[in-house]
N, C-alpha and C. Protein backbone atom coordinates (compact mmCIF):
# COMPACT_ATOMS: atom_id res chain seq x y z
N UNK A 1 -16.92 15.58 -35.53
CA UNK A 1 -16.85 14.34 -34.75
C UNK A 1 -17.42 14.61 -33.36
N UNK A 2 -18.52 13.93 -33.02
CA UNK A 2 -19.18 14.18 -31.74
C UNK A 2 -18.33 13.62 -30.60
N UNK A 3 -18.08 14.43 -29.55
CA UNK A 3 -17.28 13.94 -28.42
C UNK A 3 -18.06 12.96 -27.55
N UNK A 4 -17.34 12.31 -26.66
CA UNK A 4 -17.93 11.33 -25.75
C UNK A 4 -17.69 11.74 -24.30
N UNK A 5 -18.75 11.67 -23.51
CA UNK A 5 -18.66 11.91 -22.07
C UNK A 5 -18.88 10.59 -21.35
N UNK A 6 -17.87 10.16 -20.59
CA UNK A 6 -17.95 8.92 -19.83
C UNK A 6 -18.18 9.26 -18.36
N UNK A 7 -19.19 8.65 -17.76
CA UNK A 7 -19.47 8.84 -16.33
C UNK A 7 -19.10 7.55 -15.60
N UNK A 8 -18.19 7.68 -14.64
CA UNK A 8 -17.78 6.52 -13.84
C UNK A 8 -18.80 6.32 -12.72
N UNK A 9 -19.45 5.17 -12.70
CA UNK A 9 -20.49 4.91 -11.71
C UNK A 9 -20.26 3.56 -11.04
N UNK A 10 -20.71 3.47 -9.81
CA UNK A 10 -20.72 2.20 -9.08
C UNK A 10 -22.16 1.86 -8.75
N UNK A 11 -22.47 0.57 -8.76
CA UNK A 11 -23.79 0.15 -8.33
C UNK A 11 -23.96 0.56 -6.86
N UNK A 12 -25.05 1.26 -6.53
CA UNK A 12 -25.17 1.85 -5.18
C UNK A 12 -25.56 0.84 -4.10
N UNK A 13 -24.65 -0.03 -3.77
CA UNK A 13 -24.88 -1.02 -2.72
C UNK A 13 -24.35 -0.48 -1.39
N UNK A 14 -25.12 -0.55 -0.32
CA UNK A 14 -24.64 -0.10 0.99
C UNK A 14 -23.32 -0.79 1.35
N UNK A 15 -22.36 0.01 1.77
CA UNK A 15 -21.05 -0.50 2.13
C UNK A 15 -20.08 -0.60 0.98
N UNK A 16 -20.56 -0.40 -0.26
CA UNK A 16 -19.69 -0.51 -1.44
C UNK A 16 -19.42 0.84 -2.10
N UNK A 17 -20.21 1.86 -1.77
CA UNK A 17 -20.04 3.17 -2.38
C UNK A 17 -19.92 4.23 -1.28
N UNK A 18 -19.17 5.30 -1.59
CA UNK A 18 -19.04 6.46 -0.70
C UNK A 18 -18.73 6.01 0.73
N UNK A 19 -17.65 5.23 0.87
CA UNK A 19 -17.34 4.66 2.18
C UNK A 19 -16.94 5.72 3.21
N UNK A 20 -16.26 6.78 2.76
CA UNK A 20 -15.91 7.86 3.70
C UNK A 20 -17.16 8.58 4.17
N UNK A 21 -18.07 8.87 3.25
CA UNK A 21 -19.33 9.49 3.63
C UNK A 21 -20.13 8.58 4.54
N UNK A 22 -20.08 7.28 4.26
CA UNK A 22 -20.82 6.31 5.08
C UNK A 22 -20.35 6.30 6.52
N UNK A 23 -19.07 6.58 6.74
CA UNK A 23 -18.57 6.63 8.12
C UNK A 23 -19.23 7.76 8.90
N UNK A 24 -19.66 8.79 8.19
CA UNK A 24 -20.30 9.93 8.85
C UNK A 24 -21.81 9.77 8.98
N UNK A 25 -22.46 9.23 7.94
CA UNK A 25 -23.92 9.23 7.94
C UNK A 25 -24.54 7.83 7.88
N UNK A 26 -23.70 6.79 7.73
CA UNK A 26 -24.21 5.42 7.65
C UNK A 26 -24.19 4.89 6.23
N UNK A 27 -24.09 3.56 6.09
CA UNK A 27 -23.94 2.96 4.77
C UNK A 27 -25.20 3.09 3.92
N UNK A 28 -26.37 2.92 4.52
CA UNK A 28 -27.61 3.00 3.74
C UNK A 28 -27.88 4.43 3.27
N UNK A 29 -27.79 5.45 4.16
CA UNK A 29 -27.98 6.82 3.65
C UNK A 29 -26.95 7.22 2.60
N UNK A 30 -25.71 6.76 2.76
CA UNK A 30 -24.68 7.11 1.77
C UNK A 30 -25.00 6.49 0.42
N UNK A 31 -25.43 5.23 0.40
CA UNK A 31 -25.79 4.58 -0.86
C UNK A 31 -27.03 5.24 -1.47
N UNK A 32 -27.99 5.62 -0.62
CA UNK A 32 -29.19 6.30 -1.11
C UNK A 32 -28.80 7.63 -1.75
N UNK A 33 -27.94 8.38 -1.07
CA UNK A 33 -27.52 9.67 -1.64
C UNK A 33 -26.84 9.47 -2.99
N UNK A 34 -25.94 8.49 -3.08
CA UNK A 34 -25.21 8.27 -4.33
C UNK A 34 -26.16 7.84 -5.44
N UNK A 35 -27.10 7.00 -5.13
CA UNK A 35 -28.05 6.54 -6.16
C UNK A 35 -28.84 7.72 -6.73
N UNK A 36 -29.35 8.57 -5.85
CA UNK A 36 -30.17 9.69 -6.33
C UNK A 36 -29.32 10.79 -6.94
N UNK A 37 -28.12 11.01 -6.43
CA UNK A 37 -27.21 11.97 -7.03
C UNK A 37 -26.86 11.55 -8.46
N UNK A 38 -26.58 10.26 -8.65
CA UNK A 38 -26.26 9.75 -9.98
C UNK A 38 -27.44 9.91 -10.93
N UNK A 39 -28.64 9.59 -10.45
CA UNK A 39 -29.83 9.71 -11.30
C UNK A 39 -30.05 11.15 -11.74
N UNK A 40 -29.90 12.09 -10.80
CA UNK A 40 -30.08 13.50 -11.15
C UNK A 40 -29.02 13.95 -12.15
N UNK A 41 -27.78 13.51 -11.94
CA UNK A 41 -26.69 13.90 -12.82
C UNK A 41 -26.92 13.40 -14.24
N UNK A 42 -27.31 12.13 -14.38
CA UNK A 42 -27.50 11.57 -15.72
C UNK A 42 -28.65 12.26 -16.45
N UNK A 43 -29.70 12.62 -15.74
CA UNK A 43 -30.80 13.36 -16.38
C UNK A 43 -30.29 14.72 -16.87
N UNK A 44 -29.46 15.35 -16.05
CA UNK A 44 -28.97 16.69 -16.36
C UNK A 44 -28.00 16.69 -17.54
N UNK A 45 -27.25 15.61 -17.71
CA UNK A 45 -26.17 15.61 -18.69
C UNK A 45 -26.54 15.03 -20.05
N UNK A 46 -27.78 14.69 -20.25
CA UNK A 46 -28.20 14.28 -21.59
C UNK A 46 -28.17 15.50 -22.50
N UNK A 47 -27.44 15.40 -23.59
CA UNK A 47 -27.25 16.56 -24.45
C UNK A 47 -26.90 16.07 -25.85
N UNK A 48 -27.50 16.64 -26.89
CA UNK A 48 -27.21 16.17 -28.25
C UNK A 48 -25.80 16.50 -28.72
N UNK A 49 -25.06 17.32 -27.96
CA UNK A 49 -23.71 17.69 -28.40
C UNK A 49 -22.68 16.61 -28.13
N UNK A 50 -23.00 15.62 -27.30
CA UNK A 50 -22.05 14.55 -27.00
C UNK A 50 -22.76 13.23 -26.79
N UNK A 51 -21.98 12.14 -26.93
CA UNK A 51 -22.43 10.81 -26.57
C UNK A 51 -22.24 10.63 -25.06
N UNK A 52 -23.24 10.10 -24.38
CA UNK A 52 -23.15 9.83 -22.94
C UNK A 52 -23.01 8.33 -22.73
N UNK A 53 -21.93 7.93 -22.04
CA UNK A 53 -21.61 6.52 -21.83
C UNK A 53 -21.31 6.30 -20.36
N UNK A 54 -21.72 5.15 -19.82
CA UNK A 54 -21.44 4.80 -18.44
C UNK A 54 -20.32 3.78 -18.38
N UNK A 55 -19.36 4.00 -17.47
CA UNK A 55 -18.35 3.00 -17.13
C UNK A 55 -18.71 2.49 -15.75
N UNK A 56 -19.11 1.22 -15.66
CA UNK A 56 -19.79 0.74 -14.46
C UNK A 56 -18.94 -0.26 -13.67
N UNK A 57 -19.22 -0.28 -12.38
CA UNK A 57 -18.59 -1.23 -11.46
C UNK A 57 -19.67 -1.71 -10.48
N UNK A 58 -19.72 -3.02 -10.20
CA UNK A 58 -18.85 -4.08 -10.71
C UNK A 58 -19.13 -4.38 -12.18
N UNK A 59 -18.24 -5.12 -12.80
CA UNK A 59 -18.37 -5.39 -14.23
C UNK A 59 -19.69 -6.08 -14.57
N UNK A 60 -20.19 -6.91 -13.64
CA UNK A 60 -21.45 -7.63 -13.91
C UNK A 60 -22.62 -6.67 -14.08
N UNK A 61 -22.50 -5.46 -13.52
CA UNK A 61 -23.58 -4.49 -13.62
C UNK A 61 -23.73 -3.94 -15.04
N UNK A 62 -22.74 -4.17 -15.88
CA UNK A 62 -22.82 -3.69 -17.26
C UNK A 62 -23.98 -4.34 -18.01
N UNK A 63 -24.37 -5.53 -17.58
CA UNK A 63 -25.48 -6.21 -18.24
C UNK A 63 -26.64 -6.50 -17.30
N UNK A 64 -26.38 -6.61 -16.00
CA UNK A 64 -27.41 -7.10 -15.09
C UNK A 64 -28.16 -6.00 -14.33
N UNK A 65 -27.53 -4.86 -14.11
CA UNK A 65 -28.14 -3.86 -13.23
C UNK A 65 -29.25 -3.08 -13.91
N UNK A 66 -30.30 -2.79 -13.14
CA UNK A 66 -31.39 -1.94 -13.63
C UNK A 66 -31.37 -0.57 -12.96
N UNK A 67 -30.28 -0.26 -12.30
CA UNK A 67 -30.19 1.01 -11.56
C UNK A 67 -30.16 2.19 -12.51
N UNK A 68 -29.45 2.06 -13.64
CA UNK A 68 -29.25 3.18 -14.55
C UNK A 68 -30.16 3.07 -15.76
N UNK A 69 -30.40 4.18 -16.47
CA UNK A 69 -31.26 4.13 -17.65
C UNK A 69 -30.79 3.09 -18.67
N UNK A 70 -31.71 2.30 -19.17
CA UNK A 70 -31.36 1.20 -20.04
C UNK A 70 -30.89 1.62 -21.42
N UNK A 71 -31.14 2.88 -21.81
CA UNK A 71 -30.75 3.31 -23.14
C UNK A 71 -29.32 3.81 -23.21
N UNK A 72 -28.67 3.97 -22.06
CA UNK A 72 -27.30 4.48 -22.07
C UNK A 72 -26.30 3.34 -22.24
N UNK A 73 -25.34 3.47 -23.17
CA UNK A 73 -24.32 2.42 -23.33
C UNK A 73 -23.51 2.26 -22.05
N UNK A 74 -23.10 1.02 -21.78
CA UNK A 74 -22.33 0.71 -20.58
C UNK A 74 -21.04 0.00 -20.93
N UNK A 75 -19.99 0.38 -20.23
CA UNK A 75 -18.70 -0.29 -20.34
C UNK A 75 -18.32 -0.81 -18.97
N UNK A 76 -17.80 -2.03 -18.85
CA UNK A 76 -17.28 -2.48 -17.56
C UNK A 76 -15.99 -1.74 -17.23
N UNK A 77 -15.85 -1.29 -15.99
CA UNK A 77 -14.63 -0.57 -15.60
C UNK A 77 -13.41 -1.48 -15.60
N UNK A 78 -13.58 -2.75 -15.24
CA UNK A 78 -12.44 -3.65 -15.14
C UNK A 78 -11.67 -3.41 -13.86
N UNK A 79 -10.49 -4.03 -13.77
CA UNK A 79 -9.70 -3.96 -12.55
C UNK A 79 -8.67 -2.85 -12.58
N UNK A 80 -7.86 -2.81 -11.51
CA UNK A 80 -6.80 -1.82 -11.41
C UNK A 80 -7.20 -0.60 -10.61
N UNK A 81 -6.28 0.37 -10.54
CA UNK A 81 -6.59 1.58 -9.79
C UNK A 81 -7.46 2.50 -10.64
N UNK A 82 -7.77 3.67 -10.09
CA UNK A 82 -8.67 4.58 -10.80
C UNK A 82 -8.11 4.98 -12.16
N UNK A 83 -6.81 5.23 -12.23
CA UNK A 83 -6.20 5.59 -13.50
C UNK A 83 -6.33 4.49 -14.53
N UNK A 84 -6.10 3.25 -14.12
CA UNK A 84 -6.25 2.11 -15.03
C UNK A 84 -7.67 2.06 -15.60
N UNK A 85 -8.64 2.26 -14.71
CA UNK A 85 -10.04 2.14 -15.13
C UNK A 85 -10.47 3.30 -16.01
N UNK A 86 -10.00 4.51 -15.70
CA UNK A 86 -10.36 5.65 -16.55
C UNK A 86 -9.72 5.54 -17.92
N UNK A 87 -8.46 5.14 -17.96
CA UNK A 87 -7.78 5.00 -19.26
C UNK A 87 -8.45 3.92 -20.10
N UNK A 88 -8.86 2.85 -19.46
CA UNK A 88 -9.54 1.76 -20.19
C UNK A 88 -10.86 2.26 -20.78
N UNK A 89 -11.60 3.04 -20.00
CA UNK A 89 -12.86 3.58 -20.49
C UNK A 89 -12.64 4.54 -21.65
N UNK A 90 -11.61 5.39 -21.53
CA UNK A 90 -11.30 6.32 -22.63
C UNK A 90 -10.99 5.57 -23.91
N UNK A 91 -10.16 4.55 -23.80
CA UNK A 91 -9.72 3.82 -25.00
C UNK A 91 -10.85 3.01 -25.63
N UNK A 92 -11.90 2.75 -24.87
CA UNK A 92 -13.02 1.97 -25.39
C UNK A 92 -14.02 2.82 -26.15
N UNK A 93 -13.85 4.14 -26.14
CA UNK A 93 -14.79 5.02 -26.83
C UNK A 93 -14.34 5.26 -28.27
N UNK A 94 -15.21 5.90 -29.04
CA UNK A 94 -14.91 6.20 -30.43
C UNK A 94 -13.80 7.24 -30.52
N UNK A 95 -13.03 7.27 -31.62
CA UNK A 95 -12.01 8.31 -31.80
C UNK A 95 -12.64 9.69 -31.70
N UNK A 96 -11.87 10.62 -31.15
CA UNK A 96 -12.34 11.98 -30.97
C UNK A 96 -12.24 12.40 -29.53
N UNK A 97 -12.68 13.61 -29.20
CA UNK A 97 -12.57 14.10 -27.82
C UNK A 97 -13.35 13.23 -26.85
N UNK A 98 -12.75 12.99 -25.69
CA UNK A 98 -13.42 12.22 -24.64
C UNK A 98 -13.10 12.83 -23.29
N UNK A 99 -14.12 12.97 -22.46
CA UNK A 99 -13.95 13.41 -21.08
C UNK A 99 -14.54 12.37 -20.15
N UNK A 100 -13.93 12.22 -18.99
CA UNK A 100 -14.39 11.28 -17.98
C UNK A 100 -14.68 12.07 -16.70
N UNK A 101 -15.82 11.78 -16.09
CA UNK A 101 -16.18 12.43 -14.83
C UNK A 101 -16.62 11.38 -13.82
N UNK A 102 -16.59 11.78 -12.54
CA UNK A 102 -17.20 10.97 -11.49
C UNK A 102 -18.66 11.36 -11.34
N UNK A 103 -19.39 10.56 -10.57
CA UNK A 103 -20.83 10.80 -10.42
C UNK A 103 -21.19 11.48 -9.11
N UNK A 104 -20.19 11.85 -8.30
CA UNK A 104 -20.47 12.33 -6.95
C UNK A 104 -20.22 13.83 -6.79
N UNK A 105 -20.35 14.60 -7.89
CA UNK A 105 -20.12 16.04 -7.83
C UNK A 105 -21.43 16.74 -8.18
N UNK A 106 -22.16 17.25 -7.20
CA UNK A 106 -23.47 17.85 -7.48
C UNK A 106 -23.42 19.05 -8.39
N UNK A 107 -22.29 19.76 -8.44
CA UNK A 107 -22.23 21.01 -9.20
C UNK A 107 -21.97 20.87 -10.69
N UNK A 108 -21.86 19.64 -11.22
CA UNK A 108 -21.59 19.48 -12.64
C UNK A 108 -22.81 19.93 -13.45
N UNK A 109 -22.55 20.72 -14.49
CA UNK A 109 -23.61 21.21 -15.37
C UNK A 109 -23.24 20.96 -16.82
N UNK A 110 -24.22 21.03 -17.70
CA UNK A 110 -23.94 20.89 -19.13
C UNK A 110 -22.99 21.98 -19.63
N UNK A 111 -23.17 23.27 -19.23
CA UNK A 111 -22.20 24.28 -19.68
C UNK A 111 -20.77 23.96 -19.27
N UNK A 112 -20.58 23.42 -18.07
CA UNK A 112 -19.22 23.08 -17.62
C UNK A 112 -18.62 21.98 -18.49
N UNK A 113 -19.44 20.98 -18.82
CA UNK A 113 -18.95 19.90 -19.69
C UNK A 113 -18.61 20.45 -21.07
N UNK A 114 -19.44 21.32 -21.61
CA UNK A 114 -19.18 21.85 -22.94
C UNK A 114 -17.93 22.72 -22.95
N UNK A 115 -17.69 23.47 -21.86
CA UNK A 115 -16.45 24.25 -21.78
C UNK A 115 -15.24 23.33 -21.85
N UNK A 116 -15.35 22.16 -21.21
CA UNK A 116 -14.22 21.22 -21.25
C UNK A 116 -13.98 20.73 -22.67
N UNK A 117 -15.03 20.35 -23.37
CA UNK A 117 -14.85 19.88 -24.74
C UNK A 117 -14.31 21.00 -25.64
N UNK A 118 -14.81 22.21 -25.45
CA UNK A 118 -14.32 23.33 -26.26
C UNK A 118 -12.84 23.61 -25.97
N UNK A 119 -12.43 23.42 -24.72
CA UNK A 119 -11.03 23.65 -24.35
C UNK A 119 -10.09 22.71 -25.10
N UNK A 120 -10.59 21.53 -25.46
CA UNK A 120 -9.75 20.57 -26.17
C UNK A 120 -9.48 20.98 -27.61
N UNK A 121 -10.12 22.06 -28.07
CA UNK A 121 -9.76 22.59 -29.37
C UNK A 121 -8.38 23.22 -29.38
N UNK A 122 -7.92 23.70 -28.21
CA UNK A 122 -6.61 24.33 -28.12
C UNK A 122 -5.67 23.66 -27.15
N UNK A 123 -6.10 22.56 -26.56
CA UNK A 123 -5.28 21.85 -25.58
C UNK A 123 -5.32 20.36 -25.87
N UNK A 124 -4.31 19.66 -25.39
CA UNK A 124 -4.26 18.21 -25.58
C UNK A 124 -4.96 17.46 -24.46
N UNK A 125 -5.08 18.11 -23.31
CA UNK A 125 -5.77 17.51 -22.17
C UNK A 125 -6.46 18.61 -21.38
N UNK A 126 -7.54 18.26 -20.71
CA UNK A 126 -8.29 19.23 -19.91
C UNK A 126 -8.63 18.60 -18.57
N UNK A 127 -8.65 19.44 -17.54
CA UNK A 127 -8.97 18.99 -16.19
C UNK A 127 -9.99 19.92 -15.55
N UNK A 128 -10.89 19.34 -14.79
CA UNK A 128 -11.78 20.10 -13.92
C UNK A 128 -11.30 19.91 -12.49
N UNK A 129 -10.60 20.89 -11.93
CA UNK A 129 -10.03 20.71 -10.58
C UNK A 129 -11.13 20.57 -9.52
N UNK A 130 -10.82 19.82 -8.47
CA UNK A 130 -11.67 19.72 -7.30
C UNK A 130 -11.03 20.51 -6.16
N UNK A 131 -11.85 20.85 -5.19
CA UNK A 131 -11.38 21.67 -4.07
C UNK A 131 -10.30 20.98 -3.25
N UNK A 132 -10.26 19.64 -3.28
CA UNK A 132 -9.34 18.89 -2.41
C UNK A 132 -8.01 18.56 -3.07
N UNK A 133 -7.74 19.12 -4.25
CA UNK A 133 -6.48 18.83 -4.93
C UNK A 133 -6.58 17.74 -5.97
N UNK A 134 -7.74 17.11 -6.07
CA UNK A 134 -7.98 16.13 -7.12
C UNK A 134 -8.66 16.79 -8.31
N UNK A 135 -9.46 16.03 -9.02
CA UNK A 135 -10.18 16.60 -10.13
C UNK A 135 -11.45 15.80 -10.39
N UNK A 136 -12.46 16.50 -10.87
CA UNK A 136 -13.74 15.85 -11.16
C UNK A 136 -13.89 15.51 -12.63
N UNK A 137 -13.01 16.04 -13.48
CA UNK A 137 -13.06 15.78 -14.91
C UNK A 137 -11.65 15.68 -15.45
N UNK A 138 -11.45 14.75 -16.36
CA UNK A 138 -10.22 14.67 -17.15
C UNK A 138 -10.63 14.34 -18.58
N UNK A 139 -10.00 15.01 -19.53
CA UNK A 139 -10.33 14.75 -20.92
C UNK A 139 -9.11 14.84 -21.80
N UNK A 140 -9.17 14.19 -22.95
CA UNK A 140 -8.09 14.26 -23.94
C UNK A 140 -8.70 14.56 -25.30
N UNK A 141 -7.86 15.11 -26.18
CA UNK A 141 -8.36 15.57 -27.49
C UNK A 141 -8.82 14.42 -28.35
N UNK A 142 -8.15 13.27 -28.27
CA UNK A 142 -8.51 12.15 -29.14
C UNK A 142 -8.34 10.83 -28.41
N UNK A 143 -9.44 10.12 -28.26
CA UNK A 143 -9.40 8.84 -27.55
C UNK A 143 -8.52 7.82 -28.25
N UNK A 144 -8.25 8.03 -29.55
CA UNK A 144 -7.40 7.10 -30.29
C UNK A 144 -5.92 7.35 -30.05
N UNK A 145 -5.59 8.45 -29.39
CA UNK A 145 -4.18 8.78 -29.16
C UNK A 145 -3.97 9.23 -27.72
N UNK A 146 -4.36 8.41 -26.78
CA UNK A 146 -4.18 8.73 -25.37
C UNK A 146 -2.72 8.52 -25.00
N UNK A 147 -2.07 9.50 -24.35
CA UNK A 147 -0.67 9.32 -23.97
C UNK A 147 -0.48 8.05 -23.13
N UNK A 148 0.53 7.28 -23.46
CA UNK A 148 0.78 6.01 -22.76
C UNK A 148 1.08 6.22 -21.29
N UNK A 149 1.62 7.40 -20.95
CA UNK A 149 2.01 7.65 -19.56
C UNK A 149 0.90 8.28 -18.72
N UNK A 150 -0.24 8.59 -19.35
CA UNK A 150 -1.32 9.25 -18.61
C UNK A 150 -1.70 8.43 -17.38
N UNK A 151 -1.71 9.07 -16.23
CA UNK A 151 -2.05 8.50 -14.92
C UNK A 151 -0.91 7.72 -14.28
N UNK A 152 0.27 7.67 -14.90
CA UNK A 152 1.40 6.98 -14.27
C UNK A 152 1.84 7.74 -13.02
N UNK A 153 2.03 7.03 -11.93
CA UNK A 153 2.57 7.61 -10.71
C UNK A 153 1.63 8.54 -9.95
N UNK A 154 0.35 8.48 -10.22
CA UNK A 154 -0.59 9.37 -9.54
C UNK A 154 -0.91 8.83 -8.14
N UNK A 155 -0.83 9.74 -7.18
CA UNK A 155 -1.21 9.38 -5.80
C UNK A 155 -2.70 9.67 -5.63
N UNK A 156 -3.50 8.62 -5.89
CA UNK A 156 -4.94 8.78 -5.86
C UNK A 156 -5.46 9.05 -4.46
N UNK A 157 -6.58 9.77 -4.39
CA UNK A 157 -7.24 10.10 -3.11
C UNK A 157 -6.35 10.95 -2.21
N UNK A 158 -5.48 11.76 -2.82
CA UNK A 158 -4.66 12.70 -2.06
C UNK A 158 -4.75 14.07 -2.71
N UNK A 159 -4.20 15.06 -2.03
CA UNK A 159 -4.19 16.42 -2.57
C UNK A 159 -3.25 16.57 -3.75
N UNK A 160 -2.48 15.52 -4.05
CA UNK A 160 -1.50 15.57 -5.14
C UNK A 160 -2.04 15.01 -6.46
N UNK A 161 -3.27 14.52 -6.47
CA UNK A 161 -3.75 13.77 -7.64
C UNK A 161 -3.72 14.60 -8.93
N UNK A 162 -4.17 15.84 -8.88
CA UNK A 162 -4.18 16.66 -10.08
C UNK A 162 -2.76 16.98 -10.55
N UNK A 163 -1.91 17.43 -9.63
CA UNK A 163 -0.53 17.76 -9.99
C UNK A 163 0.20 16.54 -10.53
N UNK A 164 -0.02 15.38 -9.91
CA UNK A 164 0.64 14.16 -10.39
C UNK A 164 0.18 13.78 -11.79
N UNK A 165 -1.11 13.94 -12.07
CA UNK A 165 -1.62 13.57 -13.38
C UNK A 165 -1.06 14.49 -14.46
N UNK A 166 -1.02 15.80 -14.18
CA UNK A 166 -0.43 16.73 -15.14
C UNK A 166 1.04 16.39 -15.37
N UNK A 167 1.73 16.01 -14.30
CA UNK A 167 3.14 15.64 -14.42
C UNK A 167 3.34 14.37 -15.24
N UNK A 168 2.30 13.54 -15.34
CA UNK A 168 2.43 12.28 -16.09
C UNK A 168 2.42 12.49 -17.61
N UNK A 169 2.07 13.71 -18.06
CA UNK A 169 2.07 14.00 -19.49
C UNK A 169 2.89 15.28 -19.75
N UNK A 170 4.20 15.23 -19.45
CA UNK A 170 5.03 16.43 -19.60
C UNK A 170 5.02 16.96 -21.03
N UNK A 171 4.97 18.28 -21.15
CA UNK A 171 4.99 18.91 -22.45
C UNK A 171 3.64 19.04 -23.11
N UNK A 172 2.61 18.38 -22.56
CA UNK A 172 1.28 18.47 -23.16
C UNK A 172 0.67 19.83 -22.84
N UNK A 173 -0.09 20.34 -23.78
CA UNK A 173 -0.81 21.59 -23.57
C UNK A 173 -2.07 21.29 -22.76
N UNK A 174 -2.18 21.94 -21.59
CA UNK A 174 -3.22 21.63 -20.62
C UNK A 174 -4.19 22.78 -20.48
N UNK A 175 -5.48 22.46 -20.31
CA UNK A 175 -6.49 23.46 -19.97
C UNK A 175 -7.18 23.05 -18.68
N UNK A 176 -7.63 24.03 -17.94
CA UNK A 176 -8.43 23.79 -16.74
C UNK A 176 -9.79 24.46 -16.91
N UNK A 177 -10.82 23.80 -16.40
CA UNK A 177 -12.15 24.40 -16.42
C UNK A 177 -12.65 24.57 -14.98
N UNK A 178 -13.95 24.60 -14.79
CA UNK A 178 -14.57 24.94 -13.52
C UNK A 178 -14.02 24.15 -12.34
N UNK A 179 -13.79 24.84 -11.24
CA UNK A 179 -13.37 24.19 -9.99
C UNK A 179 -14.63 23.85 -9.19
N UNK A 180 -14.81 22.57 -8.88
CA UNK A 180 -16.00 22.12 -8.18
C UNK A 180 -15.63 21.31 -6.94
N UNK A 181 -16.63 20.97 -6.16
CA UNK A 181 -16.42 20.22 -4.92
C UNK A 181 -17.08 18.86 -5.04
N UNK A 182 -16.32 17.82 -4.72
CA UNK A 182 -16.94 16.50 -4.65
C UNK A 182 -17.45 16.26 -3.23
N UNK A 183 -18.10 15.13 -3.02
CA UNK A 183 -18.70 14.84 -1.72
C UNK A 183 -18.07 13.58 -1.16
N UNK A 184 -17.23 13.74 -0.15
CA UNK A 184 -16.59 12.60 0.51
C UNK A 184 -16.99 12.47 1.97
N UNK A 185 -17.44 13.57 2.58
CA UNK A 185 -17.78 13.57 4.01
C UNK A 185 -19.12 14.28 4.22
N UNK A 186 -19.63 14.18 5.44
CA UNK A 186 -20.88 14.87 5.77
C UNK A 186 -20.72 16.37 5.63
N UNK A 187 -19.55 16.90 5.97
CA UNK A 187 -19.31 18.33 5.82
C UNK A 187 -19.37 18.74 4.35
N UNK A 188 -18.79 17.91 3.46
CA UNK A 188 -18.88 18.17 2.02
C UNK A 188 -20.33 18.17 1.56
N UNK A 189 -21.11 17.26 2.11
CA UNK A 189 -22.51 17.13 1.71
C UNK A 189 -23.28 18.41 2.00
N UNK A 190 -22.97 19.04 3.13
CA UNK A 190 -23.65 20.27 3.50
C UNK A 190 -23.18 21.45 2.65
N UNK A 191 -21.90 21.42 2.25
CA UNK A 191 -21.35 22.55 1.51
C UNK A 191 -21.56 22.46 0.01
N UNK A 192 -21.72 21.23 -0.48
CA UNK A 192 -21.72 21.02 -1.93
C UNK A 192 -22.93 21.66 -2.59
N UNK A 193 -22.74 22.05 -3.81
CA UNK A 193 -23.81 22.65 -4.58
C UNK A 193 -23.26 23.22 -5.86
N UNK A 194 -24.14 23.74 -6.71
CA UNK A 194 -23.70 24.26 -8.01
C UNK A 194 -23.10 25.65 -7.96
N UNK A 195 -22.96 26.24 -6.77
CA UNK A 195 -22.57 27.65 -6.68
C UNK A 195 -21.09 27.85 -6.36
N UNK A 196 -20.25 26.83 -6.65
CA UNK A 196 -18.83 26.99 -6.38
C UNK A 196 -18.18 27.97 -7.33
N UNK A 197 -16.94 28.34 -7.02
CA UNK A 197 -16.22 29.25 -7.92
C UNK A 197 -15.99 28.54 -9.24
N UNK A 198 -16.24 29.23 -10.35
CA UNK A 198 -16.09 28.64 -11.66
C UNK A 198 -15.13 29.47 -12.48
N UNK A 199 -14.28 28.78 -13.22
CA UNK A 199 -13.27 29.46 -14.04
C UNK A 199 -13.38 28.99 -15.48
N UNK A 200 -13.25 29.92 -16.40
CA UNK A 200 -13.26 29.57 -17.82
C UNK A 200 -11.99 28.80 -18.18
N UNK A 201 -12.11 27.99 -19.19
CA UNK A 201 -10.94 27.21 -19.62
C UNK A 201 -9.89 28.15 -20.19
N UNK A 202 -8.64 27.89 -19.84
CA UNK A 202 -7.53 28.70 -20.35
C UNK A 202 -6.34 27.80 -20.60
N UNK A 203 -6.04 27.48 -21.86
CA UNK A 203 -4.87 26.63 -22.13
C UNK A 203 -3.60 27.27 -21.61
N UNK A 204 -2.68 26.45 -21.08
CA UNK A 204 -1.39 26.94 -20.60
C UNK A 204 -0.44 25.77 -20.57
N UNK A 205 0.80 26.09 -20.26
CA UNK A 205 1.81 25.02 -20.10
C UNK A 205 2.28 24.99 -18.65
């Protein structure tokens, strides 16, 4: 059963994307960076080992936007917080392993994604930690059986996001893969790259 990789993307409109980065470098440069970062990422992540799907915002962009490659399937993110939108995207995919990532992490590679899918052979959920206490990837073994409590009580955009998400699925066997850096500020932009510390997946409780 081929796994599915969902990329959460926003239409790169100035003032609507990367708002923290925009405070440092301006709304137009921030939107430009996000647009080109997303394009590079999608080119890099095309791989016959998985289905590549976009979860897009705003919902109207699922049919109207020409920003992203036209051959990639699109799902509207819908409303709610980040957890609501990620869970909705997961449940909309075919049964089998599914991972969800953001589009603003320059260091994501195909090997890192494949390590995450492989980790789901021995774990029920997998996470790619971020340097700030959040995570750039979350995945579950089977999109048809997503824990009902997944993402409950998560303090999004804080250093507690990863710990809170793991706590939302008590007793589940968890794996972690590569630790990467996302880009939220100008300082992150200068530091970000594919050369961060990387760790092999290791299931644990």
